[in-house]
N, C-alpha and C. Protein backbone atom coordinates (compact mmCIF):
# COMPACT_ATOMS: atom_id res chain seq x y z
N MET A 1 96.98 81.72 154.42
CA MET A 1 97.82 82.12 153.36
C MET A 1 99.17 82.29 153.92
N SER A 2 100.18 81.70 153.32
CA SER A 2 101.57 81.63 153.78
C SER A 2 102.39 82.67 153.05
N VAL A 3 103.23 83.06 153.80
CA VAL A 3 104.07 84.08 153.26
C VAL A 3 105.47 83.52 152.84
N GLU A 4 105.96 83.67 151.67
CA GLU A 4 107.07 83.07 151.07
C GLU A 4 108.04 84.13 150.77
N SER A 5 109.42 83.82 151.29
CA SER A 5 110.53 84.92 151.01
C SER A 5 110.69 84.96 149.43
N LEU A 6 111.22 86.08 149.00
CA LEU A 6 111.65 86.22 147.74
C LEU A 6 112.69 85.31 147.19
N GLU A 7 113.62 84.94 148.05
CA GLU A 7 114.70 84.02 147.76
C GLU A 7 113.96 82.67 147.50
N GLU A 8 113.03 82.20 148.29
CA GLU A 8 112.58 81.00 148.09
C GLU A 8 111.75 80.88 146.84
N TRP A 9 110.92 81.91 146.47
CA TRP A 9 110.17 81.93 145.35
C TRP A 9 111.09 81.93 144.01
N ARG A 10 112.23 82.69 144.00
CA ARG A 10 113.23 82.58 143.03
C ARG A 10 113.75 81.28 142.76
N LYS A 11 114.08 80.48 143.91
CA LYS A 11 114.64 79.16 143.72
C LYS A 11 113.54 78.20 143.07
N LYS A 12 112.23 78.38 143.52
CA LYS A 12 111.18 77.46 142.97
C LYS A 12 111.07 77.81 141.54
N LEU A 13 111.02 79.10 141.14
CA LEU A 13 110.86 79.56 139.78
C LEU A 13 112.00 78.99 138.88
N ALA A 14 113.25 79.08 139.43
CA ALA A 14 114.48 78.67 138.70
C ALA A 14 114.22 77.12 138.47
N LYS A 15 113.76 76.38 139.54
CA LYS A 15 113.53 74.87 139.34
C LYS A 15 112.61 74.58 138.27
N ARG A 16 111.50 75.31 138.40
CA ARG A 16 110.40 75.02 137.31
C ARG A 16 110.98 75.33 135.98
N MET A 17 111.62 76.33 135.77
CA MET A 17 112.19 76.70 134.53
C MET A 17 113.21 75.76 133.95
N SER A 18 113.98 75.14 134.99
CA SER A 18 115.05 74.23 134.43
C SER A 18 114.45 72.78 134.09
N VAL A 19 113.33 72.51 134.51
CA VAL A 19 112.72 71.31 134.33
C VAL A 19 112.17 71.22 132.78
N GLU A 20 112.63 70.14 132.13
CA GLU A 20 112.26 70.03 130.75
C GLU A 20 110.86 69.78 130.48
N SER A 21 110.34 70.13 129.57
CA SER A 21 108.97 69.82 129.09
C SER A 21 108.65 68.31 129.09
N GLN A 22 107.52 67.87 129.56
CA GLN A 22 107.34 66.33 129.53
C GLN A 22 106.81 65.90 128.29
N SER A 23 106.24 66.81 127.44
CA SER A 23 105.68 66.37 126.14
C SER A 23 106.79 66.65 125.02
N ASN A 24 106.89 65.80 124.17
CA ASN A 24 107.72 65.94 123.09
C ASN A 24 107.05 66.74 121.92
N GLN A 25 107.88 67.50 121.18
CA GLN A 25 107.27 68.20 120.01
C GLN A 25 106.90 67.27 118.93
N ASN A 26 105.58 67.27 118.30
CA ASN A 26 105.10 66.46 117.46
C ASN A 26 105.00 67.09 116.11
N THR A 27 105.17 68.35 116.02
CA THR A 27 105.15 68.99 114.69
C THR A 27 106.41 69.62 114.46
N GLN A 28 107.00 69.67 113.21
CA GLN A 28 108.16 70.31 113.01
C GLN A 28 107.88 71.87 112.68
N GLN A 29 108.80 72.65 113.13
CA GLN A 29 108.70 74.03 113.01
C GLN A 29 108.94 74.40 111.42
N GLU A 30 108.21 75.25 110.95
CA GLU A 30 108.53 75.84 109.71
C GLU A 30 109.79 76.71 109.73
N GLU A 31 110.54 76.81 108.66
CA GLU A 31 111.59 77.64 108.66
C GLU A 31 111.14 78.96 108.12
N HIS A 32 111.51 80.05 108.73
CA HIS A 32 111.13 81.35 108.31
C HIS A 32 111.99 81.81 107.21
N GLY A 33 111.49 82.52 106.33
CA GLY A 33 112.42 83.16 105.21
C GLY A 33 113.30 84.24 105.90
N PRO A 34 114.05 84.84 104.92
CA PRO A 34 114.88 85.93 105.52
C PRO A 34 114.05 87.03 105.88
N THR A 35 114.53 87.81 106.90
CA THR A 35 113.96 89.01 107.39
C THR A 35 114.33 90.13 106.53
N ARG A 36 113.36 90.85 106.13
CA ARG A 36 113.46 92.01 105.15
C ARG A 36 113.97 93.12 105.97
N THR A 37 114.71 94.00 105.27
CA THR A 37 115.28 95.18 105.98
C THR A 37 114.18 96.26 105.81
N ASP A 38 114.52 97.46 106.52
CA ASP A 38 113.46 98.52 106.47
C ASP A 38 113.63 99.01 104.92
N GLU A 39 114.77 99.01 104.35
CA GLU A 39 114.93 99.55 103.01
C GLU A 39 114.28 98.76 102.02
N GLU A 40 114.26 97.42 102.19
CA GLU A 40 113.48 96.48 101.24
C GLU A 40 111.98 96.64 101.32
N ILE A 41 111.54 96.86 102.66
CA ILE A 41 110.18 97.02 102.98
C ILE A 41 109.78 98.30 102.28
N GLU A 42 110.43 99.31 102.43
CA GLU A 42 110.10 100.57 101.87
C GLU A 42 110.03 100.58 100.23
N LYS A 43 111.03 99.84 99.78
CA LYS A 43 111.00 99.69 98.18
C LYS A 43 109.77 98.91 97.67
N LEU A 44 109.37 97.90 98.45
CA LEU A 44 108.17 97.08 98.12
C LEU A 44 106.95 97.97 98.23
N ALA A 45 106.80 98.76 99.33
CA ALA A 45 105.81 99.71 99.49
C ALA A 45 105.60 100.68 98.37
N MET A 46 106.83 101.14 97.90
CA MET A 46 106.79 102.24 96.87
C MET A 46 106.33 101.45 95.53
N VAL A 47 106.70 100.22 95.28
CA VAL A 47 106.22 99.51 94.15
C VAL A 47 104.74 99.41 94.08
N VAL A 48 104.18 99.00 95.29
CA VAL A 48 102.65 98.84 95.46
C VAL A 48 102.06 100.21 95.09
N ILE A 49 102.51 101.11 95.79
CA ILE A 49 101.88 102.59 95.46
C ILE A 49 102.03 102.97 94.10
N ALA A 50 103.13 102.79 93.51
CA ALA A 50 103.28 103.12 91.97
C ALA A 50 102.29 102.32 91.16
N ARG A 51 102.05 101.02 91.47
CA ARG A 51 101.23 100.21 90.73
C ARG A 51 99.78 100.70 90.81
N LYS A 52 99.37 101.10 92.03
CA LYS A 52 98.03 101.43 92.28
C LYS A 52 97.79 102.87 91.67
N ILE A 53 98.71 103.76 91.75
CA ILE A 53 98.71 105.06 91.12
C ILE A 53 98.67 104.84 89.58
N LYS A 54 99.45 103.92 89.02
CA LYS A 54 99.46 103.74 87.61
C LYS A 54 97.95 103.23 87.07
N GLU A 55 97.36 102.43 87.84
CA GLU A 55 96.14 102.00 87.50
C GLU A 55 95.19 103.21 87.35
N VAL A 56 95.11 104.06 88.24
CA VAL A 56 94.25 105.28 88.45
C VAL A 56 94.57 106.13 87.02
N LEU A 57 95.98 106.37 86.98
CA LEU A 57 96.38 107.32 85.74
C LEU A 57 96.06 106.74 84.43
N GLU A 58 96.03 105.47 84.35
CA GLU A 58 95.83 104.86 83.03
C GLU A 58 94.36 104.85 82.73
N ALA A 59 93.52 104.78 83.74
CA ALA A 59 92.03 104.96 83.66
C ALA A 59 91.73 106.35 83.27
N ALA A 60 92.40 107.27 83.76
CA ALA A 60 92.16 108.71 83.58
C ALA A 60 92.65 109.03 82.19
N TRP A 61 93.74 108.40 81.74
CA TRP A 61 94.37 108.66 80.46
C TRP A 61 93.45 108.15 79.34
N GLN A 62 92.77 106.91 79.67
CA GLN A 62 91.88 106.32 78.73
C GLN A 62 90.50 106.89 78.86
N GLY A 63 90.24 107.71 79.77
CA GLY A 63 88.90 108.36 79.80
C GLY A 63 87.80 107.40 80.23
N THR A 64 88.21 106.32 81.13
CA THR A 64 87.28 105.35 81.31
C THR A 64 86.51 105.30 82.71
N PHE A 65 86.83 106.43 83.53
CA PHE A 65 86.19 106.37 84.82
C PHE A 65 85.73 107.71 85.17
N THR A 66 84.43 107.79 85.83
CA THR A 66 83.80 108.93 86.28
C THR A 66 84.07 109.02 87.72
N THR A 67 83.56 110.26 88.23
CA THR A 67 83.69 110.47 89.72
C THR A 67 83.06 109.40 90.53
N LYS A 68 81.93 108.75 89.99
CA LYS A 68 81.08 107.79 90.73
C LYS A 68 81.18 106.41 90.39
N SER A 69 82.25 106.02 89.42
CA SER A 69 82.34 104.73 88.79
C SER A 69 82.86 103.73 89.86
N ASP A 70 82.86 102.39 89.43
CA ASP A 70 83.44 101.32 90.26
C ASP A 70 84.90 101.67 90.47
N ILE A 71 85.65 102.12 89.65
CA ILE A 71 87.11 102.43 89.81
C ILE A 71 87.25 103.53 90.86
N SER A 72 86.46 104.58 90.84
CA SER A 72 86.52 105.54 91.77
C SER A 72 86.23 104.97 92.96
N ARG A 73 85.33 104.14 93.24
CA ARG A 73 84.93 103.71 94.55
C ARG A 73 85.84 102.66 95.15
N SER A 74 86.25 101.68 94.30
CA SER A 74 87.35 100.63 94.78
C SER A 74 88.65 101.21 94.92
N HIS A 75 89.12 102.23 94.13
CA HIS A 75 90.42 102.80 94.34
C HIS A 75 90.29 104.33 94.92
N ALA A 76 89.28 104.51 95.86
CA ALA A 76 89.05 105.86 96.43
C ALA A 76 90.25 106.60 96.98
N ASP A 77 91.03 105.68 97.90
CA ASP A 77 92.25 106.40 98.36
C ASP A 77 93.20 106.68 97.24
N TRP A 78 93.46 105.89 96.28
CA TRP A 78 94.41 106.11 95.27
C TRP A 78 93.99 107.23 94.38
N VAL A 79 92.60 107.36 94.07
CA VAL A 79 92.11 108.44 93.33
C VAL A 79 92.44 109.84 94.16
N ALA A 80 92.11 109.81 95.43
CA ALA A 80 92.30 110.99 96.24
C ALA A 80 93.79 111.28 96.13
N LEU A 81 94.68 110.34 96.27
CA LEU A 81 96.26 110.69 96.28
C LEU A 81 96.64 111.18 94.99
N ALA A 82 96.11 110.61 93.97
CA ALA A 82 96.34 111.20 92.49
C ALA A 82 95.87 112.50 92.37
N CYS A 83 94.78 112.77 92.72
CA CYS A 83 94.02 114.11 92.78
C CYS A 83 94.97 115.18 93.62
N SER A 84 95.25 114.71 94.77
CA SER A 84 95.99 115.55 95.66
C SER A 84 97.38 116.01 95.17
N LEU A 85 97.90 115.00 94.41
CA LEU A 85 99.28 115.39 93.71
C LEU A 85 99.27 116.13 92.44
N GLY A 86 98.00 116.37 92.03
CA GLY A 86 97.76 117.07 90.78
C GLY A 86 97.90 116.22 89.55
N TYR A 87 97.79 114.90 89.76
CA TYR A 87 97.86 113.95 88.59
C TYR A 87 96.57 113.69 87.83
N ILE A 88 95.49 114.00 88.42
CA ILE A 88 94.18 113.89 87.79
C ILE A 88 93.24 114.98 88.28
N THR A 89 92.25 115.35 87.57
CA THR A 89 91.51 116.48 87.81
C THR A 89 90.09 116.27 87.09
N VAL A 90 89.11 116.95 87.61
CA VAL A 90 87.79 117.04 86.93
C VAL A 90 87.50 118.40 86.23
N LEU A 91 88.64 119.29 86.44
CA LEU A 91 88.47 120.58 85.83
C LEU A 91 88.75 120.57 84.41
N VAL A 92 87.88 121.14 83.52
CA VAL A 92 88.13 121.04 82.11
C VAL A 92 88.84 122.41 81.77
N ASN A 93 88.41 123.50 82.35
CA ASN A 93 89.09 124.83 82.30
C ASN A 93 88.68 125.55 83.56
N ASP A 94 88.97 126.83 83.48
CA ASP A 94 88.69 127.64 84.61
C ASP A 94 87.24 127.80 85.03
N HIS A 95 86.27 127.50 84.07
CA HIS A 95 84.99 127.69 84.28
C HIS A 95 83.95 126.41 84.24
N ALA A 96 84.76 125.31 83.94
CA ALA A 96 83.91 124.14 83.75
C ALA A 96 84.60 122.82 84.36
N PHE A 97 83.85 121.94 84.71
CA PHE A 97 84.33 120.74 85.15
C PHE A 97 83.53 119.60 84.64
N SER A 98 84.09 118.49 84.70
CA SER A 98 83.57 117.30 84.20
C SER A 98 83.23 116.22 85.24
N ARG A 99 82.46 115.12 84.99
CA ARG A 99 82.23 114.07 85.82
C ARG A 99 83.28 112.91 85.58
N HIS A 100 84.03 113.04 84.65
CA HIS A 100 85.14 112.19 84.23
C HIS A 100 86.51 112.67 84.85
N TRP A 101 87.33 111.74 85.31
CA TRP A 101 88.57 112.03 85.86
C TRP A 101 89.51 112.27 84.62
N LEU A 102 90.11 113.30 84.65
CA LEU A 102 91.00 113.62 83.62
C LEU A 102 92.42 113.49 83.93
N ILE A 103 93.42 113.03 83.13
CA ILE A 103 94.89 113.13 83.53
C ILE A 103 95.43 114.39 83.20
N THR A 104 96.28 115.03 84.05
CA THR A 104 96.78 116.27 83.85
C THR A 104 98.28 115.97 83.16
N GLU A 105 98.86 117.13 82.73
CA GLU A 105 100.25 116.95 82.28
C GLU A 105 101.25 116.40 83.27
N ASP A 106 101.08 116.70 84.52
CA ASP A 106 101.90 116.13 85.58
C ASP A 106 101.54 114.69 85.68
N GLY A 107 100.27 114.39 85.58
CA GLY A 107 99.87 112.94 85.75
C GLY A 107 100.46 112.12 84.58
N LEU A 108 100.45 112.72 83.34
CA LEU A 108 100.97 111.93 82.26
C LEU A 108 102.58 111.69 82.32
N ALA A 109 103.26 112.68 82.98
CA ALA A 109 104.59 112.64 83.12
C ALA A 109 104.88 111.63 84.23
N ALA A 110 104.02 111.53 85.29
CA ALA A 110 104.24 110.64 86.26
C ALA A 110 103.93 109.24 85.82
N LEU A 111 103.03 109.11 84.97
CA LEU A 111 102.65 107.79 84.41
C LEU A 111 103.74 107.35 83.64
N ASN A 112 104.38 108.05 82.87
CA ASN A 112 105.60 107.82 82.03
C ASN A 112 106.79 107.28 82.95
N GLU A 113 106.94 108.00 83.99
CA GLU A 113 107.95 107.88 85.00
C GLU A 113 107.73 106.42 85.56
N ILE A 114 106.49 106.19 86.13
CA ILE A 114 106.21 105.00 86.81
C ILE A 114 106.37 103.73 85.93
N GLU A 115 105.98 103.92 84.60
CA GLU A 115 106.19 102.72 83.67
C GLU A 115 107.63 102.63 83.46
N PHE A 116 108.47 103.63 83.39
CA PHE A 116 110.00 103.51 83.24
C PHE A 116 110.57 102.80 84.56
N LEU A 117 110.09 103.28 85.68
CA LEU A 117 110.62 102.69 86.82
C LEU A 117 110.29 101.18 87.15
N LEU A 118 109.06 100.86 86.63
CA LEU A 118 108.51 99.38 86.95
C LEU A 118 108.96 98.59 85.71
N GLY A 119 109.51 99.28 84.67
CA GLY A 119 109.90 98.44 83.47
C GLY A 119 108.74 98.05 82.61
N GLU A 120 107.72 98.88 82.65
CA GLU A 120 106.50 98.50 82.00
C GLU A 120 106.16 99.61 80.95
N HIS A 121 106.43 99.27 79.52
CA HIS A 121 106.08 100.31 78.63
C HIS A 121 104.94 99.57 77.75
N ASP A 122 103.64 99.87 78.10
CA ASP A 122 102.65 99.27 77.42
C ASP A 122 102.41 100.07 76.10
N TYR A 123 102.46 101.25 76.27
CA TYR A 123 102.16 102.15 75.13
C TYR A 123 102.82 103.48 75.18
N GLU A 124 102.87 104.24 74.18
CA GLU A 124 103.67 105.55 74.18
C GLU A 124 102.53 106.59 74.30
N HIS A 125 102.89 107.59 75.02
CA HIS A 125 102.06 108.76 75.41
C HIS A 125 102.50 109.91 74.43
């Protein structure tokens, strides 16, 4: 095993890096679109969240999904978020609960606000 000085190693590395590639590029590079800013990414994320929450709130408003329905399973995270925010509930009153998700007053207000912000006014509440 031979020992090579750091200076000799740097010279060899510089020589290797300065030599052009022997193969030519045979495919064209795709141009990338504009890079999104953090603010744009945040706005897009909020639109996605708003649409998912809107789906859950509409289902609760229409009374179409139970706690074990396909919607509850496929949208489990969004159902949990809507419930945590107080937008939906299974409580009918202080002493009774339902197996259907029910929209709350806050949920109805949130649904109206989401529809307004998204520019979607499908029906009046």
